[in-house]
Structures are given as structure tokens and as C-alpha cells.
């Protein structure tokens, strides 16, 4: 892969991709898009990560606060493990938020009926 990027990607393009990777964060709760883009960029910018642990640290660093601490605390040893843990935690958070929203909506509707 290294030879391919050296041949087909000019150095300044690689730098742009490295900057994008450096600044990449999860937008809202869209962990799937973040994970996909992270993996694409990590493949193209492989020299940024000398160890798997460095890649995991950067990947987890882009997570929102609501799951970041839990993913770090679980100490994933591989990228796949980090992705699975993060996905599971994000799914739980999304479900919890949806349940709270539904409960809040019901309370509001009941309040309207009782007035």
C-alpha cells in the first residue's frame, strides 16, 4: 500500500488526508460514517500509526464524550474490538435517547389531555 500511495498520491495530497484524519470526529451519533472514513484515511495515511495502539487511541479520540470514556475504560486491544465496543455503546445511547424522547412525549400528551 505504501508504494501505491507514494506513486499515485502527491505528497501534498497525503498531507491533506493526514490533516483530515487528525481532525476527524463523530458527527452527532453517526458512528458508522466516522468509522468508515477513519478506516479509509488510516489506510492511506498508514505512516501516522507505528503501532495498532496508536491507531486505536486516535480512533477512540474522535468519539463523543457520551461514549469516549467507556470505550477507553474497556481497553480494546485491536481496532476491530474498539469498533465493536464503540458501536455497541453508541447503539445503547441512541436507544436510551429515543426511549426518553418517547416517554417525554407521552407525558406532554397526557398533560394536554388533562388540561
Protein backbone atom coordinates (compact mmCIF):
# COMPACT_ATOMS: atom_id res chain seq x y z
CA UNK A 1 0.00 0.00 0.00
CA UNK A 2 2.85 2.37 0.81
CA UNK A 3 4.30 2.13 -2.69
CA UNK A 4 0.88 2.71 -4.21
CA UNK A 5 0.22 5.88 -2.19
CA UNK A 6 3.71 7.17 -2.94
CA UNK A 7 3.17 6.59 -6.65
CA UNK A 8 -0.43 7.81 -7.07
CA UNK A 9 -0.84 10.41 -4.32
CA UNK A 10 1.27 13.56 -4.39
CA UNK A 11 2.87 14.40 -1.04
CA UNK A 12 0.66 17.48 -0.53
CA UNK A 13 -2.47 15.33 -1.05
CA UNK A 14 -1.29 12.88 1.59
CA UNK A 15 -0.75 15.81 3.97
CA UNK A 16 -4.34 16.97 3.37
CA UNK A 17 -5.60 13.47 4.14
CA UNK A 18 -3.47 13.35 7.28
CA UNK A 19 -4.96 16.67 8.41
CA UNK A 20 -8.46 15.36 7.76
CA UNK A 21 -7.67 12.25 9.80
CA UNK A 22 -6.18 14.34 12.59
CA UNK A 23 -9.34 16.48 12.82
CA UNK A 24 -11.90 13.70 12.19
CA UNK A 25 -14.68 13.44 14.80
CA UNK A 26 -18.03 11.65 15.07
CA UNK A 27 -20.84 13.93 13.89
CA UNK A 28 -23.85 13.52 16.18
CA UNK A 29 -24.45 9.80 16.60
CA UNK A 30 -23.25 8.77 13.11
CA UNK A 31 -20.52 6.40 14.26
CA UNK A 32 -20.76 4.25 11.11
CA UNK A 33 -19.74 7.09 8.78
CA UNK A 34 -16.94 8.13 11.14
CA UNK A 35 -15.63 4.56 11.34
CA UNK A 36 -15.71 4.09 7.59
CA UNK A 37 -13.91 7.37 6.88
CA UNK A 38 -11.40 6.73 9.66
CA UNK A 39 -10.51 3.35 8.19
CA UNK A 40 -10.16 4.80 4.68
CA UNK A 41 -7.87 7.58 5.88
CA UNK A 42 -5.88 5.30 8.19
CA UNK A 43 -5.18 3.02 5.24
CA UNK A 44 -3.94 5.91 3.09
CA UNK A 45 -2.03 7.58 5.93
CA UNK A 46 -0.56 4.43 7.43
CA UNK A 47 2.72 6.08 8.40
CA UNK A 48 0.85 8.08 11.08
CA UNK A 49 0.44 4.93 13.17
CA UNK A 50 3.52 2.93 14.04
CA UNK A 51 1.51 0.68 16.36
CA UNK A 52 -2.05 -0.64 16.43
CA UNK A 53 -2.43 1.02 19.85
CA UNK A 54 -1.76 4.43 18.26
CA UNK A 55 -4.48 3.86 15.69
CA UNK A 56 -6.94 2.75 18.40
CA UNK A 57 -6.12 5.81 20.50
CA UNK A 58 -6.77 8.15 17.56
CA UNK A 59 -9.98 6.32 16.61
CA UNK A 60 -11.35 6.49 20.16
CA UNK A 61 -10.24 10.13 20.43
CA UNK A 62 -12.78 11.08 17.77
CA UNK A 63 -15.71 9.70 19.76
CA UNK A 64 -18.19 11.96 21.54
CA UNK A 65 -17.90 12.33 25.32
CA UNK A 66 -21.00 10.19 25.86
CA UNK A 67 -19.10 7.01 24.85
CA UNK A 68 -15.42 8.04 24.85
CA UNK A 69 -14.70 7.22 28.49
CA UNK A 70 -16.42 3.85 28.34
CA UNK A 71 -14.51 2.79 25.22
CA UNK A 72 -11.20 3.85 26.81
CA UNK A 73 -12.08 2.03 30.05
CA UNK A 74 -12.74 -1.20 28.14
CA UNK A 75 -9.12 -1.13 26.88
CA UNK A 76 -9.62 -2.53 23.38
CA UNK A 77 -6.59 -4.39 22.07
CA UNK A 78 -7.47 -4.31 18.35
CA UNK A 79 -9.20 -1.87 16.02
CA UNK A 80 -11.99 -4.39 15.46
CA UNK A 81 -12.58 -4.64 19.20
CA UNK A 82 -12.62 -0.84 19.54
CA UNK A 83 -15.12 -0.56 16.69
CA UNK A 84 -17.39 -3.24 18.16
CA UNK A 85 -17.34 -1.71 21.64
CA UNK A 86 -17.99 1.80 20.31
CA UNK A 87 -20.83 0.59 18.07
CA UNK A 88 -22.50 -1.27 20.93
CA UNK A 89 -22.21 1.73 23.26
CA UNK A 90 -23.49 4.17 20.63
CA UNK A 91 -26.45 1.91 19.85
CA UNK A 92 -27.33 1.81 23.56
CA UNK A 93 -27.09 5.60 23.83
CA UNK A 94 -29.29 6.12 20.77
CA UNK A 95 -31.90 3.68 22.15
CA UNK A 96 -31.83 5.40 25.54
CA UNK A 97 -32.28 8.83 23.95
CA UNK A 98 -35.18 7.55 21.82
CA UNK A 99 -36.85 5.98 24.87
CA UNK A 100 -36.50 9.20 26.86
CA UNK A 101 -37.92 11.20 23.97
CA UNK A 102 -40.91 8.85 23.71
CA UNK A 103 -41.53 8.99 27.46
CA UNK A 104 -41.30 12.77 27.44
CA UNK A 105 -43.72 12.96 24.51
CA UNK A 106 -46.23 10.75 26.36
CA UNK A 107 -46.01 12.94 29.46
CA UNK A 108 -46.62 16.02 27.36
CA UNK A 109 -49.61 14.42 25.59
CA UNK A 110 -51.08 13.31 28.93
CA UNK A 111 -50.65 16.83 30.29
CA UNK A 112 -52.51 18.25 27.28
CA UNK A 113 -55.37 15.78 27.75
CA UNK A 114 -55.72 16.58 31.44
CA UNK A 115 -55.95 20.34 30.98
